[in-house]
Amino acid sequence: MSSEPTVEQLIHKIAQRFADAELTFGHGTDNALDEAAWLVFSVLGLAHEDAAQAYASSVPAAGERQVNDVATRRIAERIPLAYLLNEAWFAGLRFYIDERVLVPRSPIAELITSRFSPWLDEGRVGAAVDLGTGSGCIAIALAVAFPQASVDAVDISADALAVARKNIELHDLSDRVHPIESDFFAALQGNKYDLIVSNPPYVDQQDMDARSDEFRHEPDLGLAAGADGLDAANVILQNAANFLHDGGILVCEVGNSAAALEKLYPGVAFVWLEFEHGGSGVFVLGKQDLVGI
């Protein structure tokens, strides 16, 4: 009888270690079992499409050691698994990730895969922009969803744009996804878009101070947005109309700062979106709703 564990047995063993260590999740998974499965499949190079066959296969000793080594770092150092594996998944696409950027996890992925229906006519999207692109995941997913569109990937961080460029090349989209170093709209003067998407910094100071260890590995620049969490949202709301074509829309995530945003802009009819796979704090506004803010 082989002493080698099956993939399924190893996943459950790692999941129990994660649960016993009381890790914080939220960087691509929300529970110990899913995180363990991600770790095992990634390290062993297994295909999710062949999951049933993979679960029954045995794990050689060298592979088990590799998995356990990563699991040990995950527990001891509280580093998000995406950084340890240098990978994350967003809108069904794989991305290179390191600590220069946030780990992709926005519910905006669900909107992209549905091509923003019913808020936008997908056939009219010729130009889009992702403000605060980080790893480039939203910009790249937009380019895949709208194959006729040119997409600007904007970030103030040169480090983040280096990661975005790596991912743009990985997905062979250098002809349609254009990294731009800019403080939101500052370097985009004269540009007009059919779609503006942003998952900007929106964490208020109270939540920044209360972060778990895992979230402290992420760059503050991608999270912190002042005392009320609205520093970035204010810039976007007050400028977006000038960069939209007629009929264009703004989709923006503000997370837990949604209530503060509504209080600050009582005259704006925010449409808050609901998500089948979880998430909240994302609004959509048309150009006509943004004029005069």
Protein backbone atom coordinates (compact mmCIF):
# COMPACT_ATOMS: atom_id res chain seq x y z
CA MET A 1 0.00 0.00 0.00
CA SER A 2 1.34 3.42 -0.95
CA SER A 3 2.09 5.84 1.87
CA GLU A 4 1.67 8.74 -0.50
CA PRO A 5 -1.45 10.82 0.24
CA THR A 6 -3.97 11.56 -2.46
CA VAL A 7 -4.47 15.15 -3.55
CA GLU A 8 -7.80 15.16 -1.72
CA GLN A 9 -6.21 13.91 1.51
CA LEU A 10 -3.44 16.50 1.29
CA ILE A 11 -5.95 19.31 0.71
CA HIS A 12 -7.90 18.32 3.82
CA LYS A 13 -4.70 18.06 5.85
CA ILE A 14 -3.60 21.56 4.81
CA ALA A 15 -7.10 22.94 5.35
CA GLN A 16 -7.03 21.63 8.93
CA ARG A 17 -3.66 23.32 9.51
CA PHE A 18 -5.08 26.59 8.19
CA ALA A 19 -8.19 26.31 10.34
CA ASP A 20 -6.19 25.51 13.47
CA ALA A 21 -3.97 28.55 12.80
CA GLU A 22 -7.05 30.80 12.58
CA LEU A 23 -5.83 32.50 9.42
CA THR A 24 -7.64 35.45 7.91
CA PHE A 25 -8.91 34.83 4.39
CA GLY A 26 -10.24 37.24 1.79
CA HIS A 27 -7.49 37.34 -0.84
CA GLY A 28 -9.12 35.09 -3.40
CA THR A 29 -10.79 32.62 -1.04
CA ASP A 30 -12.95 32.97 2.05
CA ASN A 31 -12.33 29.65 3.81
CA ALA A 32 -9.59 27.20 4.74
CA LEU A 33 -10.65 24.38 2.39
CA ASP A 34 -10.73 26.51 -0.76
CA GLU A 35 -7.39 28.08 0.17
CA ALA A 36 -5.84 24.66 0.70
CA ALA A 37 -7.16 23.43 -2.66
CA TRP A 38 -5.74 26.50 -4.40
CA LEU A 39 -2.35 25.92 -2.77
CA VAL A 40 -2.17 22.22 -3.63
CA PHE A 41 -3.37 22.61 -7.23
CA SER A 42 -0.99 25.50 -7.87
CA VAL A 43 2.14 23.97 -6.37
CA LEU A 44 1.53 20.59 -8.02
CA GLY A 45 0.59 22.15 -11.35
CA LEU A 46 -2.81 20.46 -11.49
CA ALA A 47 -5.58 21.51 -13.87
CA HIS A 48 -8.91 22.56 -12.39
CA GLU A 49 -10.65 21.21 -15.50
CA ASP A 50 -9.56 17.69 -14.45
CA ALA A 51 -10.40 18.13 -10.77
CA ALA A 52 -12.11 14.76 -10.29
CA GLN A 53 -9.12 12.86 -11.66
CA ALA A 54 -6.65 15.11 -9.84
CA TYR A 55 -8.28 14.60 -6.43
CA ALA A 56 -7.79 10.82 -6.67
CA SER A 57 -4.15 10.97 -7.77
CA SER A 58 -1.30 10.40 -5.33
CA VAL A 59 1.17 13.09 -4.29
CA PRO A 60 4.88 12.19 -4.37
CA ALA A 61 6.98 13.03 -1.34
CA ALA A 62 8.74 15.95 -3.03
CA GLY A 63 5.43 17.53 -3.98
CA GLU A 64 4.06 17.08 -0.48
CA ARG A 65 7.15 18.79 0.96
CA GLN A 66 6.71 21.73 -1.41
CA VAL A 67 3.07 22.12 -0.43
CA ASN A 68 3.87 21.92 3.27
CA ASP A 69 6.68 24.45 2.95
CA VAL A 70 4.33 27.03 1.40
CA ALA A 71 1.64 26.24 3.97
CA THR A 72 4.14 26.78 6.78
CA ARG A 73 5.04 30.24 5.46
CA ARG A 74 1.35 31.08 5.01
CA ILE A 75 0.78 30.28 8.69
CA ALA A 76 3.98 31.65 10.20
CA GLU A 77 4.19 34.90 8.26
CA ARG A 78 0.47 35.53 7.58
CA ILE A 79 1.33 36.33 3.95
CA PRO A 80 -1.62 36.12 1.53
CA LEU A 81 -1.35 32.96 -0.54
CA ALA A 82 -1.45 34.96 -3.79
CA TYR A 83 1.91 36.51 -2.91
CA LEU A 84 3.47 33.18 -1.98
CA LEU A 85 2.33 31.62 -5.27
CA ASN A 86 2.75 34.78 -7.36
CA GLU A 87 -0.66 34.15 -8.86
CA ALA A 88 -4.28 35.17 -8.54
CA TRP A 89 -7.42 34.61 -10.55
CA PHE A 90 -9.85 37.32 -11.68
CA ALA A 91 -12.79 37.04 -14.08
CA GLY A 92 -11.58 33.53 -14.97
CA LEU A 93 -8.11 34.77 -15.91
CA ARG A 94 -4.77 34.05 -14.24
CA PHE A 95 -2.50 36.94 -13.21
CA TYR A 96 1.02 37.37 -11.87
CA ILE A 97 0.87 39.01 -8.42
CA ASP A 98 3.42 40.26 -5.93
CA GLU A 99 3.47 42.69 -3.00
CA ARG A 100 3.70 45.74 -5.27
CA VAL A 101 -0.04 45.40 -5.94
CA LEU A 102 -3.25 44.44 -4.18
CA VAL A 103 -4.51 40.89 -4.56
CA PRO A 104 -7.42 40.95 -7.07
CA ARG A 105 -10.77 40.25 -5.42
CA SER A 106 -13.26 42.85 -6.67
CA PRO A 107 -16.86 41.84 -7.39
CA ILE A 108 -16.47 43.98 -10.52
CA ALA A 109 -15.25 40.72 -12.11
CA GLU A 110 -18.85 39.56 -12.19
CA LEU A 111 -19.92 42.71 -14.04
CA ILE A 112 -17.14 42.28 -16.59
CA THR A 113 -18.07 38.69 -17.40
CA SER A 114 -21.67 39.84 -17.99
CA ARG A 115 -20.34 42.79 -20.04
CA PHE A 116 -22.10 45.27 -17.74
CA SER A 117 -25.53 44.22 -18.94
CA PRO A 118 -28.04 45.87 -18.78
CA TRP A 119 -26.18 49.10 -18.03
CA LEU A 120 -24.17 49.24 -21.22
CA ASP A 121 -24.55 48.26 -24.86
CA GLU A 122 -21.47 46.06 -25.31
CA GLY A 123 -21.31 46.82 -29.01
CA ARG A 124 -20.60 50.48 -28.39
CA VAL A 125 -17.56 50.03 -26.12
CA GLY A 126 -14.66 51.28 -28.18
CA ALA A 127 -12.66 52.91 -25.38
CA ALA A 128 -12.47 52.06 -21.68
CA VAL A 129 -10.27 53.04 -18.77
CA ASP A 130 -9.41 51.31 -15.50
CA LEU A 131 -8.46 53.87 -12.85
CA GLY A 132 -6.10 52.49 -10.21
CA THR A 133 -5.29 49.41 -12.27
CA GLY A 134 -2.77 47.81 -9.87
CA SER A 135 -1.98 44.41 -11.37
CA GLY A 136 -3.92 45.32 -14.51
CA CYS A 137 -6.54 42.66 -13.81
CA ILE A 138 -9.60 44.84 -14.49
CA ALA A 139 -8.10 46.46 -17.60
CA ILE A 140 -7.08 43.10 -19.04
CA ALA A 141 -10.44 41.49 -18.23
CA LEU A 142 -12.15 44.44 -19.94
CA ALA A 143 -10.05 43.90 -23.05
CA VAL A 144 -10.98 40.22 -23.11
CA ALA A 145 -14.69 40.98 -22.60
CA PHE A 146 -14.71 43.74 -25.25
CA PRO A 147 -12.36 42.53 -28.00
CA GLN A 148 -12.97 45.63 -30.09
CA ALA A 149 -12.02 48.04 -27.28
CA SER A 150 -8.86 49.97 -26.47
CA VAL A 151 -8.28 50.04 -22.71
CA ASP A 152 -6.16 52.47 -20.69
CA ALA A 153 -4.70 50.99 -17.48
CA VAL A 154 -4.02 53.92 -15.15
CA ASP A 155 -2.10 53.96 -11.88
CA ILE A 156 -0.05 56.50 -9.92
CA SER A 157 2.38 53.76 -8.84
CA ALA A 158 5.27 52.95 -11.16
CA ASP A 159 5.75 49.71 -9.22
CA ALA A 160 2.15 48.67 -9.83
CA LEU A 161 2.45 49.50 -13.53
CA ALA A 162 5.49 47.23 -13.79
CA VAL A 163 3.29 44.36 -12.62
CA ALA A 164 0.49 45.45 -14.95
CA ARG A 165 2.89 45.43 -17.91
CA LYS A 166 3.97 41.90 -17.03
CA ASN A 167 0.33 40.79 -17.05
CA ILE A 168 -0.46 42.66 -20.26
CA GLU A 169 2.36 40.75 -21.94
CA LEU A 170 1.24 37.50 -20.32
CA HIS A 171 -2.17 37.89 -21.95
CA ASP A 172 -0.72 39.15 -25.25
CA LEU A 173 -2.71 42.39 -25.11
CA SER A 174 0.01 45.03 -25.60
CA ASP A 175 -1.78 46.25 -28.72
CA ARG A 176 -5.00 47.13 -26.84
CA VAL A 177 -4.17 47.65 -23.15
CA HIS A 178 -2.07 50.75 -22.49
CA PRO A 179 -0.44 51.33 -19.06
CA ILE A 180 -0.40 55.02 -18.11
CA GLU A 181 1.23 56.54 -15.02
CA SER A 182 -1.26 59.11 -13.76
CA ASP A 183 -2.98 60.36 -10.64
CA PHE A 184 -6.43 59.26 -11.80
CA PHE A 185 -7.45 61.63 -14.65
CA ALA A 186 -4.43 63.97 -14.44
CA ALA A 187 -2.62 62.60 -17.52
CA LEU A 188 -5.76 61.77 -19.50
CA GLN A 189 -6.71 65.26 -20.66
CA GLY A 190 -8.60 65.14 -23.96
CA ASN A 191 -9.46 61.44 -23.68
CA LYS A 192 -13.07 60.24 -23.85
CA TYR A 193 -14.34 56.81 -22.85
CA ASP A 194 -17.49 54.74 -23.18
CA LEU A 195 -16.71 53.02 -19.88
CA ILE A 196 -14.81 54.13 -16.79
CA VAL A 197 -14.18 51.41 -14.22
CA SER A 198 -12.41 51.87 -10.91
CA ASN A 199 -11.64 49.87 -7.81
CA PRO A 200 -9.76 52.74 -6.14
CA PRO A 201 -8.47 53.05 -2.58
CA TYR A 202 -11.52 53.33 -0.31
CA VAL A 203 -10.47 52.14 3.17
CA ASP A 204 -11.06 54.71 5.91
CA GLN A 205 -8.52 55.32 8.67
CA GLN A 206 -10.42 53.32 11.27
CA ASP A 207 -10.43 50.22 9.08
CA MET A 208 -6.78 50.75 8.09
CA ASP A 209 -5.84 50.70 11.76
CA ALA A 210 -7.89 47.54 12.37
CA ARG A 211 -6.46 45.45 9.51
CA SER A 212 -5.42 41.87 10.15
CA ASP A 213 -1.83 40.80 9.52
CA GLU A 214 -2.65 39.41 6.07
CA PHE A 215 -3.95 42.76 4.81
CA ARG A 216 -0.88 44.59 6.13
CA HIS A 217 1.21 42.87 3.45
CA GLU A 218 -0.65 44.85 0.78
CA PRO A 219 0.53 48.32 -0.29
CA ASP A 220 -1.14 51.11 1.70
CA LEU A 221 -1.29 53.18 -1.48
CA GLY A 222 -3.88 50.81 -2.89
CA LEU A 223 -6.07 50.86 0.21
CA ALA A 224 -5.93 54.08 2.24
CA ALA A 225 -8.30 56.88 1.24
CA GLY A 226 -8.33 59.33 4.12
CA ALA A 227 -10.37 59.61 7.29
CA ASP A 228 -13.68 58.78 5.60
CA GLY A 229 -12.37 56.53 2.83
CA LEU A 230 -13.55 58.90 0.10
CA ASP A 231 -10.43 60.75 -1.06
CA ALA A 232 -10.25 58.78 -4.32
CA ALA A 233 -13.99 58.54 -4.90
CA ASN A 234 -14.31 62.32 -4.64
CA VAL A 235 -11.75 62.86 -7.41
CA ILE A 236 -13.43 60.30 -9.65
CA LEU A 237 -16.97 61.59 -9.13
CA GLN A 238 -16.02 65.21 -9.67
CA ASN A 239 -14.15 64.56 -12.93
CA ALA A 240 -15.69 61.51 -14.60
CA ALA A 241 -18.30 63.38 -16.66
CA ASN A 242 -15.56 65.25 -18.52
CA PHE A 243 -14.04 61.96 -19.71
CA LEU A 244 -17.19 60.09 -20.77
CA HIS A 245 -18.85 59.97 -24.16
CA ASP A 246 -22.59 60.62 -24.14
CA GLY A 247 -24.22 57.40 -23.03
CA GLY A 248 -21.09 56.27 -21.21
CA ILE A 249 -21.07 54.96 -17.65
CA LEU A 250 -18.90 55.01 -14.53
CA VAL A 251 -18.64 51.86 -12.42
CA CYS A 252 -16.82 52.37 -9.13
CA GLU A 253 -16.23 50.31 -6.00
CA VAL A 254 -16.22 52.02 -2.60
CA GLY A 255 -16.82 49.03 -0.33
CA ASN A 256 -17.53 49.88 3.29
CA SER A 257 -17.41 53.60 2.49
CA ALA A 258 -20.73 53.43 0.61
CA ALA A 259 -22.76 54.95 3.46
CA ALA A 260 -20.30 57.83 3.84
CA LEU A 261 -20.47 58.47 0.08
CA GLU A 262 -24.27 58.67 0.04
CA LYS A 263 -24.18 61.04 3.01
CA LEU A 264 -21.67 63.30 1.27
CA TYR A 265 -23.61 63.36 -2.02
CA PRO A 266 -27.31 63.30 -1.02
CA GLY A 267 -28.40 64.62 -4.42
CA VAL A 268 -26.78 61.84 -6.44
CA ALA A 269 -28.95 58.84 -7.36
CA PHE A 270 -26.36 56.11 -6.87
CA VAL A 271 -27.38 52.73 -8.29
CA TRP A 272 -25.89 50.09 -5.99
CA LEU A 273 -25.32 46.76 -7.67
CA GLU A 274 -26.05 43.30 -6.31
CA PHE A 275 -23.79 40.32 -6.93
CA GLU A 276 -24.56 36.65 -7.27
CA HIS A 277 -21.15 35.60 -5.94
CA GLY A 278 -20.86 38.08 -3.07
CA GLY A 279 -19.58 41.61 -2.67
CA SER A 280 -21.13 45.04 -2.29
CA GLY A 281 -20.34 48.75 -2.38
CA VAL A 282 -20.20 49.09 -6.18
CA PHE A 283 -22.23 51.80 -7.92
CA VAL A 284 -23.01 52.69 -11.51
CA LEU A 285 -23.78 56.18 -12.78
CA GLY A 286 -24.37 57.43 -16.30
CA LYS A 287 -22.70 60.55 -17.68
CA GLN A 288 -25.95 62.45 -17.25
CA ASP A 289 -25.92 61.59 -13.51
CA LEU A 290 -22.36 62.89 -13.11
CA VAL A 291 -22.66 66.30 -14.75
CA GLY A 292 -22.50 69.05 -12.16
CA ILE A 293 -21.25 66.98 -9.24
